[in-house]
Amino acid sequence: MNVTTVKNNQEREVAYAIRKKVFVEEQRVPLEIEIDEHEDAAVHFVLYDEEKPCGAGRFRIKDGFGKAERICILPDYRGKGAGRLMMEAVEAEARKQNVPALKLDAQVHAIPFYERLGYEVISDEFMDAGIPHKSMKKVF
């Protein structure tokens, strides 16, 4: 498996397709919330298993910090290191852009995954798109 940085609209559509499968179809997030006003300002990523896209995510700078967003892995690839590969790519982009830390809003069920990668919970629980989340942070 390898993560690529999206370079054109066709590749971005691949990222959107994965996000729609996970967030819109699986988790019932409304499409108008999933694809938002921050898409053009973000660096997008797609995870491939050989030629097959199996994960997506995006990175942007917000308030002087890096923000990992829309991290998702198709069900058949979960628990196999795919999420770690995606986060390593996002963290590499954050370091490249010289941000002091990376923040993310984790779905509560995913908090143990992010904690294993060195992230710490920095907020109380809140709802986003009807799903419980907590904010997390990793300082570089």
N, C-alpha and C. Protein backbone atom coordinates (compact mmCIF):
# COMPACT_ATOMS: atom_id res chain seq x y z
N MET A 1 0.85 -1.19 0.00
CA MET A 1 0.00 0.00 0.00
C MET A 1 0.88 1.24 0.00
N ASN A 2 0.41 2.28 -0.68
CA ASN A 2 1.14 3.53 -0.67
C ASN A 2 0.16 4.70 -0.77
N VAL A 3 0.56 5.83 -0.17
CA VAL A 3 -0.24 7.04 -0.16
C VAL A 3 0.32 8.00 -1.19
N THR A 4 -0.56 8.58 -1.99
CA THR A 4 -0.13 9.59 -2.96
C THR A 4 -0.80 10.92 -2.62
N THR A 5 -0.11 12.00 -2.96
CA THR A 5 -0.69 13.33 -2.83
C THR A 5 -1.45 13.62 -4.12
N VAL A 6 -2.67 14.08 -3.98
CA VAL A 6 -3.52 14.37 -5.13
C VAL A 6 -2.92 15.54 -5.92
N LYS A 7 -2.82 15.34 -7.25
CA LYS A 7 -2.20 16.35 -8.10
C LYS A 7 -3.17 16.99 -9.09
N ASN A 8 -4.37 16.43 -9.27
CA ASN A 8 -5.31 16.99 -10.24
C ASN A 8 -6.75 16.66 -9.83
N ASN A 9 -7.69 17.19 -10.59
CA ASN A 9 -9.11 17.00 -10.26
C ASN A 9 -9.54 15.56 -10.36
N GLN A 10 -9.00 14.81 -11.31
CA GLN A 10 -9.36 13.40 -11.46
C GLN A 10 -8.97 12.63 -10.19
N GLU A 11 -7.76 12.87 -9.68
CA GLU A 11 -7.32 12.20 -8.45
C GLU A 11 -8.14 12.67 -7.25
N ARG A 12 -8.52 13.95 -7.24
CA ARG A 12 -9.35 14.45 -6.14
C ARG A 12 -10.70 13.76 -6.15
N GLU A 13 -11.26 13.50 -7.32
CA GLU A 13 -12.54 12.79 -7.41
C GLU A 13 -12.42 11.37 -6.83
N VAL A 14 -11.24 10.75 -6.97
CA VAL A 14 -11.02 9.43 -6.36
C VAL A 14 -11.11 9.56 -4.83
N ALA A 15 -10.46 10.61 -4.29
CA ALA A 15 -10.53 10.84 -2.84
C ALA A 15 -11.98 11.07 -2.41
N TYR A 16 -12.71 11.89 -3.16
CA TYR A 16 -14.11 12.16 -2.83
C TYR A 16 -14.93 10.87 -2.85
N ALA A 17 -14.67 10.00 -3.82
CA ALA A 17 -15.45 8.76 -3.93
C ALA A 17 -15.26 7.88 -2.70
N ILE A 18 -14.03 7.81 -2.19
CA ILE A 18 -13.77 7.03 -0.97
C ILE A 18 -14.46 7.68 0.22
N ARG A 19 -14.33 8.99 0.34
CA ARG A 19 -14.98 9.70 1.43
C ARG A 19 -16.49 9.51 1.39
N LYS A 20 -17.08 9.54 0.21
CA LYS A 20 -18.53 9.34 0.09
C LYS A 20 -18.91 7.94 0.54
N LYS A 21 -18.12 6.92 0.17
CA LYS A 21 -18.43 5.55 0.59
C LYS A 21 -18.41 5.43 2.11
N VAL A 22 -17.38 6.00 2.74
CA VAL A 22 -17.23 5.84 4.19
C VAL A 22 -18.17 6.77 4.96
N PHE A 23 -18.09 8.05 4.67
CA PHE A 23 -18.83 9.01 5.50
C PHE A 23 -20.31 9.12 5.11
N VAL A 24 -20.60 9.20 3.83
CA VAL A 24 -21.98 9.42 3.40
C VAL A 24 -22.78 8.11 3.41
N GLU A 25 -22.25 7.07 2.77
CA GLU A 25 -23.00 5.82 2.68
C GLU A 25 -22.95 5.02 3.99
N GLU A 26 -21.75 4.84 4.55
CA GLU A 26 -21.61 4.01 5.74
C GLU A 26 -22.07 4.72 7.01
N GLN A 27 -21.65 5.98 7.17
CA GLN A 27 -21.93 6.68 8.42
C GLN A 27 -23.09 7.68 8.33
N ARG A 28 -23.68 7.80 7.16
CA ARG A 28 -24.87 8.64 6.94
C ARG A 28 -24.64 10.13 7.18
N VAL A 29 -23.43 10.61 6.89
CA VAL A 29 -23.14 12.04 6.95
C VAL A 29 -23.73 12.66 5.67
N PRO A 30 -24.48 13.75 5.79
CA PRO A 30 -25.02 14.38 4.58
C PRO A 30 -23.91 14.84 3.63
N LEU A 31 -24.08 14.61 2.34
CA LEU A 31 -23.07 14.97 1.35
C LEU A 31 -22.71 16.44 1.41
N GLU A 32 -23.70 17.31 1.66
CA GLU A 32 -23.42 18.74 1.69
C GLU A 32 -22.53 19.14 2.88
N ILE A 33 -22.43 18.29 3.88
CA ILE A 33 -21.50 18.53 4.99
C ILE A 33 -20.15 17.92 4.67
N GLU A 34 -20.15 16.76 4.04
CA GLU A 34 -18.90 16.05 3.76
C GLU A 34 -17.99 16.81 2.80
N ILE A 35 -18.51 17.26 1.69
CA ILE A 35 -17.72 18.05 0.74
C ILE A 35 -18.00 19.50 1.10
N ASP A 36 -16.95 20.21 1.57
CA ASP A 36 -17.19 21.54 2.15
C ASP A 36 -16.36 22.63 1.48
N GLU A 37 -16.44 23.81 2.07
CA GLU A 37 -15.78 25.00 1.52
C GLU A 37 -14.26 24.97 1.67
N HIS A 38 -13.70 23.99 2.38
CA HIS A 38 -12.25 23.94 2.59
C HIS A 38 -11.51 23.05 1.60
N GLU A 39 -12.23 22.44 0.67
CA GLU A 39 -11.60 21.49 -0.25
C GLU A 39 -10.46 22.11 -1.06
N ASP A 40 -10.66 23.31 -1.58
CA ASP A 40 -9.64 23.92 -2.44
C ASP A 40 -8.40 24.35 -1.67
N ALA A 41 -8.54 24.60 -0.37
CA ALA A 41 -7.40 25.03 0.45
C ALA A 41 -6.61 23.85 1.02
N ALA A 42 -7.11 22.64 0.82
CA ALA A 42 -6.51 21.46 1.45
C ALA A 42 -5.59 20.71 0.49
N VAL A 43 -4.65 19.98 1.09
CA VAL A 43 -3.85 19.00 0.37
C VAL A 43 -4.58 17.67 0.58
N HIS A 44 -4.89 16.99 -0.51
CA HIS A 44 -5.65 15.74 -0.45
C HIS A 44 -4.72 14.55 -0.68
N PHE A 45 -5.10 13.41 -0.08
CA PHE A 45 -4.32 12.18 -0.18
C PHE A 45 -5.23 11.02 -0.55
N VAL A 46 -4.67 10.06 -1.30
CA VAL A 46 -5.37 8.81 -1.58
C VAL A 46 -4.41 7.67 -1.27
N LEU A 47 -4.91 6.67 -0.56
CA LEU A 47 -4.17 5.46 -0.26
C LEU A 47 -4.55 4.39 -1.28
N TYR A 48 -3.56 3.77 -1.87
CA TYR A 48 -3.80 2.72 -2.87
C TYR A 48 -3.24 1.39 -2.39
N ASP A 49 -3.97 0.34 -2.69
CA ASP A 49 -3.48 -1.02 -2.57
C ASP A 49 -3.24 -1.46 -4.02
N GLU A 50 -1.99 -1.39 -4.44
CA GLU A 50 -1.63 -1.55 -5.84
C GLU A 50 -2.39 -0.48 -6.63
N GLU A 51 -3.33 -0.84 -7.49
CA GLU A 51 -4.07 0.15 -8.29
C GLU A 51 -5.39 0.57 -7.64
N LYS A 52 -5.79 -0.15 -6.57
CA LYS A 52 -7.12 0.07 -6.00
C LYS A 52 -7.09 1.13 -4.89
N PRO A 53 -7.86 2.22 -5.06
CA PRO A 53 -7.94 3.21 -3.98
C PRO A 53 -8.69 2.63 -2.79
N CYS A 54 -8.13 2.84 -1.59
CA CYS A 54 -8.75 2.23 -0.41
C CYS A 54 -8.79 3.17 0.80
N GLY A 55 -8.29 4.38 0.67
CA GLY A 55 -8.33 5.33 1.78
C GLY A 55 -8.15 6.75 1.26
N ALA A 56 -8.53 7.71 2.07
CA ALA A 56 -8.40 9.11 1.70
C ALA A 56 -8.23 9.96 2.95
N GLY A 57 -7.79 11.18 2.73
CA GLY A 57 -7.66 12.14 3.81
C GLY A 57 -7.26 13.48 3.25
N ARG A 58 -7.26 14.50 4.11
CA ARG A 58 -6.82 15.82 3.68
C ARG A 58 -6.11 16.52 4.83
N PHE A 59 -5.32 17.52 4.45
CA PHE A 59 -4.55 18.33 5.39
C PHE A 59 -4.74 19.79 5.00
N ARG A 60 -4.88 20.62 6.02
CA ARG A 60 -4.86 22.06 5.77
C ARG A 60 -4.31 22.75 7.01
N ILE A 61 -3.96 24.00 6.84
CA ILE A 61 -3.49 24.79 7.97
C ILE A 61 -4.66 25.62 8.48
N LYS A 62 -4.86 25.55 9.79
CA LYS A 62 -5.95 26.30 10.43
C LYS A 62 -5.42 26.88 11.74
N ASP A 63 -5.51 28.19 11.87
CA ASP A 63 -5.09 28.88 13.10
C ASP A 63 -3.64 28.57 13.47
N GLY A 64 -2.76 28.44 12.48
CA GLY A 64 -1.34 28.21 12.73
C GLY A 64 -0.96 26.77 13.02
N PHE A 65 -1.93 25.88 13.02
CA PHE A 65 -1.66 24.46 13.25
C PHE A 65 -2.04 23.68 12.00
N GLY A 66 -1.49 22.48 11.89
CA GLY A 66 -1.93 21.57 10.85
C GLY A 66 -3.23 20.91 11.31
N LYS A 67 -4.09 20.61 10.37
CA LYS A 67 -5.36 19.95 10.69
C LYS A 67 -5.50 18.74 9.77
N ALA A 68 -5.57 17.56 10.36
CA ALA A 68 -5.85 16.33 9.63
C ALA A 68 -7.36 16.15 9.59
N GLU A 69 -7.89 15.98 8.39
CA GLU A 69 -9.34 15.90 8.25
C GLU A 69 -9.73 14.82 7.26
N ARG A 70 -10.97 14.36 7.41
CA ARG A 70 -11.57 13.42 6.46
C ARG A 70 -10.74 12.16 6.26
N ILE A 71 -10.10 11.72 7.34
CA ILE A 71 -9.29 10.50 7.28
C ILE A 71 -10.25 9.31 7.25
N CYS A 72 -10.15 8.49 6.22
CA CYS A 72 -11.06 7.35 6.11
C CYS A 72 -10.41 6.21 5.34
N ILE A 73 -10.75 5.01 5.75
CA ILE A 73 -10.25 3.78 5.15
C ILE A 73 -11.45 2.89 4.84
N LEU A 74 -11.46 2.30 3.64
CA LEU A 74 -12.55 1.39 3.30
C LEU A 74 -12.55 0.19 4.25
N PRO A 75 -13.73 -0.37 4.54
CA PRO A 75 -13.84 -1.43 5.56
C PRO A 75 -12.88 -2.62 5.39
N ASP A 76 -12.66 -3.08 4.18
CA ASP A 76 -11.79 -4.25 3.96
C ASP A 76 -10.33 -4.00 4.33
N TYR A 77 -9.95 -2.74 4.50
CA TYR A 77 -8.55 -2.40 4.77
C TYR A 77 -8.30 -1.94 6.20
N ARG A 78 -9.35 -1.85 7.00
CA ARG A 78 -9.19 -1.40 8.38
C ARG A 78 -8.49 -2.48 9.21
N GLY A 79 -7.66 -2.02 10.15
CA GLY A 79 -6.95 -2.95 11.02
C GLY A 79 -5.75 -3.60 10.36
N LYS A 80 -5.32 -3.09 9.22
CA LYS A 80 -4.21 -3.69 8.47
C LYS A 80 -3.08 -2.71 8.22
N GLY A 81 -3.04 -1.61 8.98
CA GLY A 81 -1.97 -0.64 8.84
C GLY A 81 -2.26 0.47 7.85
N ALA A 82 -3.42 0.44 7.21
CA ALA A 82 -3.75 1.46 6.21
C ALA A 82 -3.91 2.84 6.85
N GLY A 83 -4.58 2.91 7.99
CA GLY A 83 -4.77 4.18 8.67
C GLY A 83 -3.45 4.80 9.11
N ARG A 84 -2.56 3.96 9.58
CA ARG A 84 -1.23 4.44 9.98
C ARG A 84 -0.49 5.04 8.78
N LEU A 85 -0.55 4.37 7.64
CA LEU A 85 0.10 4.89 6.43
C LEU A 85 -0.48 6.25 6.05
N MET A 86 -1.80 6.37 6.12
CA MET A 86 -2.44 7.64 5.79
C MET A 86 -1.97 8.74 6.73
N MET A 87 -1.96 8.45 8.02
CA MET A 87 -1.56 9.47 8.99
C MET A 87 -0.07 9.83 8.86
N GLU A 88 0.76 8.86 8.52
CA GLU A 88 2.18 9.17 8.29
C GLU A 88 2.33 10.15 7.13
N ALA A 89 1.54 9.99 6.08
CA ALA A 89 1.60 10.91 4.94
C ALA A 89 1.13 12.30 5.33
N VAL A 90 0.05 12.37 6.11
CA VAL A 90 -0.47 13.67 6.56
C VAL A 90 0.56 14.34 7.47
N GLU A 91 1.15 13.58 8.37
CA GLU A 91 2.16 14.15 9.27
C GLU A 91 3.38 14.63 8.49
N ALA A 92 3.78 13.91 7.45
CA ALA A 92 4.91 14.34 6.63
C ALA A 92 4.60 15.69 5.96
N GLU A 93 3.37 15.85 5.49
CA GLU A 93 2.97 17.13 4.89
C GLU A 93 2.98 18.23 5.94
N ALA A 94 2.52 17.94 7.14
CA ALA A 94 2.53 18.94 8.22
C ALA A 94 3.95 19.39 8.52
N ARG A 95 4.87 18.43 8.60
CA ARG A 95 6.27 18.78 8.87
C ARG A 95 6.85 19.61 7.73
N LYS A 96 6.51 19.23 6.50
CA LYS A 96 6.98 19.95 5.32
C LYS A 96 6.52 21.41 5.35
N GLN A 97 5.32 21.63 5.87
CA GLN A 97 4.78 22.98 5.95
C GLN A 97 5.13 23.68 7.28
N ASN A 98 5.99 23.05 8.07
CA ASN A 98 6.55 23.65 9.29
C ASN A 98 5.51 24.08 10.32
N VAL A 99 4.48 23.27 10.50
CA VAL A 99 3.53 23.58 11.57
C VAL A 99 4.04 22.92 12.85
N PRO A 100 3.76 23.54 14.01
CA PRO A 100 4.29 23.00 15.27
C PRO A 100 3.56 21.78 15.79
N ALA A 101 2.34 21.58 15.32
CA ALA A 101 1.52 20.47 15.82
C ALA A 101 0.44 20.15 14.80
N LEU A 102 -0.11 18.96 14.94
CA LEU A 102 -1.21 18.53 14.09
C LEU A 102 -2.41 18.27 14.99
N LYS A 103 -3.55 18.83 14.61
CA LYS A 103 -4.79 18.61 15.34
C LYS A 103 -5.76 17.84 14.46
N LEU A 104 -6.70 17.17 15.10
CA LEU A 104 -7.76 16.48 14.37
C LEU A 104 -8.95 16.32 15.29
N ASP A 105 -10.10 16.12 14.69
CA ASP A 105 -11.33 15.82 15.43
C ASP A 105 -11.64 14.36 15.17
N ALA A 106 -11.39 13.53 16.18
CA ALA A 106 -11.53 12.08 16.04
C ALA A 106 -12.91 11.62 16.45
N GLN A 107 -13.49 10.72 15.65
CA GLN A 107 -14.68 10.04 16.11
C GLN A 107 -14.28 9.25 17.36
N VAL A 108 -15.13 9.25 18.36
CA VAL A 108 -14.78 8.67 19.66
C VAL A 108 -14.28 7.23 19.52
N HIS A 109 -14.88 6.44 18.66
CA HIS A 109 -14.44 5.04 18.51
C HIS A 109 -13.02 4.93 17.97
N ALA A 110 -12.52 5.99 17.29
CA ALA A 110 -11.18 5.96 16.69
C ALA A 110 -10.09 6.53 17.62
N ILE A 111 -10.47 7.03 18.78
CA ILE A 111 -9.48 7.64 19.68
C ILE A 111 -8.34 6.69 20.03
N PRO A 112 -8.58 5.43 20.36
CA PRO A 112 -7.44 4.55 20.67
C PRO A 112 -6.44 4.43 19.50
N PHE A 113 -6.92 4.41 18.28
CA PHE A 113 -6.04 4.38 17.10
C PHE A 113 -5.13 5.60 17.11
N TYR A 114 -5.70 6.79 17.26
CA TYR A 114 -4.89 8.01 17.23
C TYR A 114 -3.96 8.10 18.45
N GLU A 115 -4.40 7.61 19.59
CA GLU A 115 -3.52 7.60 20.77
C GLU A 115 -2.29 6.75 20.52
N ARG A 116 -2.44 5.63 19.82
CA ARG A 116 -1.28 4.79 19.50
C ARG A 116 -0.29 5.52 18.59
N LEU A 117 -0.77 6.51 17.87
CA LEU A 117 0.10 7.30 16.99
C LEU A 117 0.67 8.53 17.68
N GLY A 118 0.38 8.69 18.98
CA GLY A 118 0.96 9.80 19.74
C GLY A 118 0.06 11.01 19.93
N TYR A 119 -1.20 10.90 19.59
CA TYR A 119 -2.13 12.02 19.76
C TYR A 119 -2.74 11.99 21.15
N GLU A 120 -3.05 13.18 21.67
CA GLU A 120 -3.67 13.31 22.98
C GLU A 120 -5.00 14.04 22.85
N VAL A 121 -5.99 13.61 23.62
CA VAL A 121 -7.30 14.26 23.63
C VAL A 121 -7.15 15.63 24.28
N ILE A 122 -7.72 16.66 23.62
CA ILE A 122 -7.61 18.04 24.14
C ILE A 122 -8.98 18.71 24.28
N SER A 123 -10.06 17.94 24.17
CA SER A 123 -11.39 18.56 24.31
C SER A 123 -12.36 17.59 24.96
N ASP A 124 -13.47 18.13 25.37
CA ASP A 124 -14.59 17.31 25.79
C ASP A 124 -15.25 16.75 24.54
N GLU A 125 -16.14 15.82 24.73
CA GLU A 125 -16.86 15.23 23.60
C GLU A 125 -17.83 16.25 23.01
N PHE A 126 -17.93 16.24 21.69
CA PHE A 126 -18.89 17.08 20.99
C PHE A 126 -19.45 16.31 19.80
N MET A 127 -20.56 16.77 19.28
CA MET A 127 -21.19 16.11 18.14
C MET A 127 -20.81 16.85 16.86
N ASP A 128 -20.48 16.07 15.83
CA ASP A 128 -20.23 16.61 14.50
C ASP A 128 -20.92 15.67 13.52
N ALA A 129 -21.83 16.20 12.73
CA ALA A 129 -22.61 15.40 11.77
C ALA A 129 -23.32 14.24 12.47
N GLY A 130 -23.73 14.47 13.72
CA GLY A 130 -24.45 13.46 14.46
C GLY A 130 -23.59 12.35 15.05
N ILE A 131 -22.26 12.53 15.00
CA ILE A 131 -21.32 11.51 15.47
C ILE A 131 -20.48 12.11 16.60
N PRO A 132 -20.33 11.39 17.75
CA PRO A 132 -19.51 11.92 18.85
C PRO A 132 -18.03 11.98 18.46
N HIS A 133 -17.40 13.11 18.78
CA HIS A 133 -15.99 13.37 18.49
C HIS A 133 -15.29 13.96 19.71
N LYS A 134 -13.97 13.91 19.70
CA LYS A 134 -13.12 14.69 20.60
C LYS A 134 -11.95 15.21 19.77
N SER A 135 -11.51 16.42 20.09
CA SER A 135 -10.33 16.98 19.42
C SER A 135 -9.08 16.36 20.01
N MET A 136 -8.08 16.16 19.14
CA MET A 136 -6.81 15.58 19.56
C MET A 136 -5.67 16.38 18.94
N LYS A 137 -4.47 16.23 19.54
CA LYS A 137 -3.32 17.02 19.10
C LYS A 137 -2.04 16.21 19.26
N LYS A 138 -1.13 16.40 18.32
CA LYS A 138 0.21 15.81 18.41
C LYS A 138 1.21 16.91 18.10
N VAL A 139 2.11 17.17 19.05
CA VAL A 139 3.15 18.18 18.87
C VAL A 139 4.36 17.51 18.23
N PHE A 140 4.95 18.17 17.26
CA PHE A 140 6.14 17.62 16.58
C PHE A 140 7.41 18.02 17.29
